[in-house]
Amino acid sequence: MMPEAPSSGNSVRHAQALFASIARRYDLANTVLSAGLHRTWKRQAAARAALRRGDRVLDAGAGTEDLARLALQAGATVTAVDISLEMLAAAQAKLGRTALRCVGQHLLAAVPQRVLR
């Protein structure tokens, strides 16, 4: 069952409910809907970032952390935030690592300032 459409006062809760409802199937849906092209797009984005060992990355809206995984492979330290705990749980199951969990309207406010420097 899909969550109700958002009103001006509950758009964050709507987004949380929507992504919670699809978290387990998000990667499959992304593959089907993009005909697998999302993998190429993400690899290209990671390559353009030209990450090196020791770089720090903030993956805001991390979802199931595909970009975070590519950054980790490049040797970067990654902090992943997402509005949906279920999406981060799906990422943790896939990657076997703990992401910084931040939920709410002001995601970046919950990230320690030392991470952003």
C-alpha atoms as a PDB file:
ATOM      1  CA  MET A   1       0.000   0.000   0.000  1.00  0.00           C
ATOM      2  CA  MET A   2       1.424   3.385  -1.007  1.00  0.00           C
ATOM      3  CA  PRO A   3       1.474   6.253   1.505  1.00  0.00           C
ATOM      4  CA  GLU A   4      -0.944   9.115   0.967  1.00  0.00           C
ATOM      5  CA  ALA A   5       0.207  12.095  -1.098  1.00  0.00           C
ATOM      6  CA  PRO A   6       1.947  14.741   0.992  1.00  0.00           C
ATOM      7  CA  SER A   7       0.436  17.965   2.185  1.00  0.00           C
ATOM      8  CA  SER A   8       2.626  20.949   2.982  1.00  0.00           C
ATOM      9  CA  GLY A   9       2.998  19.863   6.609  1.00  0.00           C
ATOM     10  CA  ASN A  10       3.951  16.229   6.156  1.00  0.00           C
ATOM     11  CA  SER A  11       6.221  15.992   3.110  1.00  0.00           C
ATOM     12  CA  VAL A  12       9.183  14.715   5.154  1.00  0.00           C
ATOM     13  CA  ARG A  13       7.060  12.006   6.764  1.00  0.00           C
ATOM     14  CA  HIS A  14       5.679  11.135   3.316  1.00  0.00           C
ATOM     15  CA  ALA A  15       9.197  10.765   1.873  1.00  0.00           C
ATOM     16  CA  GLN A  16      10.234   8.625   4.853  1.00  0.00           C
ATOM     17  CA  ALA A  17       7.196   6.380   4.444  1.00  0.00           C
ATOM     18  CA  LEU A  18       7.642   6.117   0.680  1.00  0.00           C
ATOM     19  CA  PHE A  19      11.289   5.066   0.869  1.00  0.00           C
ATOM     20  CA  ALA A  20      10.605   2.768   3.817  1.00  0.00           C
ATOM     21  CA  SER A  21       8.013   0.976   1.690  1.00  0.00           C
ATOM     22  CA  ILE A  22      10.423   0.372  -1.218  1.00  0.00           C
ATOM     23  CA  ALA A  23      13.785   0.020   0.539  1.00  0.00           C
ATOM     24  CA  ARG A  24      14.054  -3.766   0.148  1.00  0.00           C
ATOM     25  CA  ARG A  25      13.304  -3.563  -3.582  1.00  0.00           C
ATOM     26  CA  TYR A  26      14.977  -0.234  -4.381  1.00  0.00           C
ATOM     27  CA  ASP A  27      18.099  -1.639  -6.050  1.00  0.00           C
ATOM     28  CA  LEU A  28      16.092  -4.048  -8.201  1.00  0.00           C
ATOM     29  CA  ALA A  29      13.623  -1.317  -9.175  1.00  0.00           C
ATOM     30  CA  ASN A  30      16.493   1.012 -10.059  1.00  0.00           C
ATOM     31  CA  THR A  31      18.048  -1.669 -12.261  1.00  0.00           C
ATOM     32  CA  VAL A  32      14.777  -2.461 -14.026  1.00  0.00           C
ATOM     33  CA  LEU A  33      13.662   1.156 -14.501  1.00  0.00           C
ATOM     34  CA  SER A  34      17.042   2.316 -15.822  1.00  0.00           C
ATOM     35  CA  ALA A  35      17.716  -0.892 -17.793  1.00  0.00           C
ATOM     36  CA  GLY A  36      20.864  -1.217 -15.702  1.00  0.00           C
ATOM     37  CA  LEU A  37      22.225   2.154 -16.802  1.00  0.00           C
ATOM     38  CA  HIS A  38      22.265   3.488 -13.240  1.00  0.00           C
ATOM     39  CA  ARG A  39      25.423   1.485 -12.621  1.00  0.00           C
ATOM     40  CA  THR A  40      27.218   3.287 -15.464  1.00  0.00           C
ATOM     41  CA  TRP A  41      25.962   6.687 -14.300  1.00  0.00           C
ATOM     42  CA  LYS A  42      27.215   6.033 -10.777  1.00  0.00           C
ATOM     43  CA  ARG A  43      30.620   4.827 -11.970  1.00  0.00           C
ATOM     44  CA  GLN A  44      30.922   7.946 -14.135  1.00  0.00           C
ATOM     45  CA  ALA A  45      29.961  10.195 -11.213  1.00  0.00           C
ATOM     46  CA  ALA A  46      32.546   8.519  -8.977  1.00  0.00           C
ATOM     47  CA  ALA A  47      35.238   8.796 -11.673  1.00  0.00           C
ATOM     48  CA  ARG A  48      34.524  12.510 -12.154  1.00  0.00           C
ATOM     49  CA  ALA A  49      34.906  13.056  -8.415  1.00  0.00           C
ATOM     50  CA  ALA A  50      38.499  11.785  -8.767  1.00  0.00           C
ATOM     51  CA  LEU A  51      38.539  10.552  -5.177  1.00  0.00           C
ATOM     52  CA  ARG A  52      41.798   9.530  -3.540  1.00  0.00           C
ATOM     53  CA  ARG A  53      42.765   7.713  -0.386  1.00  0.00           C
ATOM     54  CA  GLY A  54      42.111   9.963   2.590  1.00  0.00           C
ATOM     55  CA  ASP A  55      39.418  12.084   0.941  1.00  0.00           C
ATOM     56  CA  ARG A  56      36.251  12.599   2.958  1.00  0.00           C
ATOM     57  CA  VAL A  57      32.856  12.224   1.316  1.00  0.00           C
ATOM     58  CA  LEU A  58      29.422  13.174   2.580  1.00  0.00           C
ATOM     59  CA  ASP A  59      26.825  11.134   0.702  1.00  0.00           C
ATOM     60  CA  ALA A  60      23.593  13.029   1.398  1.00  0.00           C
ATOM     61  CA  GLY A  61      20.522  11.138   0.240  1.00  0.00           C
ATOM     62  CA  ALA A  62      22.668   8.007   0.271  1.00  0.00           C
ATOM     63  CA  GLY A  63      19.851   5.527  -0.281  1.00  0.00           C
ATOM     64  CA  THR A  64      21.353   2.071  -0.506  1.00  0.00           C
ATOM     65  CA  GLU A  65      24.831   3.629  -0.741  1.00  0.00           C
ATOM     66  CA  ASP A  66      25.952   2.622  -4.230  1.00  0.00           C
ATOM     67  CA  LEU A  67      27.942   5.855  -4.590  1.00  0.00           C
ATOM     68  CA  ALA A  68      29.284   5.488  -1.054  1.00  0.00           C
ATOM     69  CA  ARG A  69      30.573   2.022  -1.960  1.00  0.00           C
ATOM     70  CA  LEU A  70      32.438   3.415  -4.966  1.00  0.00           C
ATOM     71  CA  ALA A  71      33.942   6.170  -2.805  1.00  0.00           C
ATOM     72  CA  LEU A  72      35.041   3.576  -0.239  1.00  0.00           C
ATOM     73  CA  GLN A  73      36.688   1.538  -2.993  1.00  0.00           C
ATOM     74  CA  ALA A  74      38.658   4.656  -3.969  1.00  0.00           C
ATOM     75  CA  GLY A  75      39.950   4.899  -0.395  1.00  0.00           C
ATOM     76  CA  ALA A  76      37.739   7.750   0.792  1.00  0.00           C
ATOM     77  CA  THR A  77      36.154   7.946   4.229  1.00  0.00           C
ATOM     78  CA  VAL A  78      32.386   8.135   3.749  1.00  0.00           C
ATOM     79  CA  THR A  79      29.626   9.520   5.924  1.00  0.00           C
ATOM     80  CA  ALA A  80      26.250   8.518   4.545  1.00  0.00           C
ATOM     81  CA  VAL A  81      23.004  10.190   5.533  1.00  0.00           C
ATOM     82  CA  ASP A  82      19.498   9.505   4.371  1.00  0.00           C
ATOM     83  CA  ILE A  83      16.017  10.451   5.441  1.00  0.00           C
ATOM     84  CA  SER A  84      15.064   6.749   5.521  1.00  0.00           C
ATOM     85  CA  LEU A  85      16.469   4.389   8.138  1.00  0.00           C
ATOM     86  CA  GLU A  86      15.128   1.508   6.046  1.00  0.00           C
ATOM     87  CA  MET A  87      17.235   2.574   3.061  1.00  0.00           C
ATOM     88  CA  LEU A  88      20.335   2.778   5.268  1.00  0.00           C
ATOM     89  CA  ALA A  89      19.502  -0.647   6.740  1.00  0.00           C
ATOM     90  CA  ALA A  90      19.341  -2.059   3.196  1.00  0.00           C
ATOM     91  CA  ALA A  91      22.737  -0.465   2.528  1.00  0.00           C
ATOM     92  CA  GLN A  92      24.219  -1.918   5.708  1.00  0.00           C
ATOM     93  CA  ALA A  93      22.973  -5.377   4.763  1.00  0.00           C
ATOM     94  CA  LYS A  94      24.641  -4.962   1.383  1.00  0.00           C
ATOM     95  CA  LEU A  95      27.886  -3.307   2.487  1.00  0.00           C
ATOM     96  CA  GLY A  96      28.330  -4.652   5.999  1.00  0.00           C
ATOM     97  CA  ARG A  97      29.260  -1.276   7.461  1.00  0.00           C
ATOM     98  CA  THR A  98      27.535   1.246   9.663  1.00  0.00           C
ATOM     99  CA  ALA A  99      26.476   4.559   8.150  1.00  0.00           C
ATOM    100  CA  LEU A 100      25.785   7.694  10.119  1.00  0.00           C
ATOM    101  CA  ARG A 101      22.024   7.649  10.520  1.00  0.00           C
ATOM    102  CA  CYS A 102      20.269  10.981  10.330  1.00  0.00           C
ATOM    103  CA  VAL A 103      16.547  11.272   9.978  1.00  0.00           C
ATOM    104  CA  GLY A 104      14.500  14.406   9.646  1.00  0.00           C
ATOM    105  CA  GLN A 105      14.059  17.592   7.763  1.00  0.00           C
ATOM    106  CA  HIS A 106      17.508  18.985   8.527  1.00  0.00           C
ATOM    107  CA  LEU A 107      19.824  16.080   7.721  1.00  0.00           C
ATOM    108  CA  LEU A 108      23.038  18.056   7.590  1.00  0.00           C
ATOM    109  CA  ALA A 109      22.384  19.717  10.931  1.00  0.00           C
ATOM    110  CA  ALA A 110      22.844  16.293  12.525  1.00  0.00           C
ATOM    111  CA  VAL A 111      26.251  15.718  10.904  1.00  0.00           C
ATOM    112  CA  PRO A 112      29.091  16.692  13.231  1.00  0.00           C
ATOM    113  CA  GLN A 113      30.863  19.801  11.954  1.00  0.00           C
ATOM    114  CA  ARG A 114      34.233  18.012  12.046  1.00  0.00           C
ATOM    115  CA  VAL A 115      32.928  15.683   9.325  1.00  0.00           C
ATOM    116  CA  LEU A 116      32.143  18.607   7.033  1.00  0.00           C
ATOM    117  CA  ARG A 117      35.626  20.169   7.235  1.00  0.00           C
END
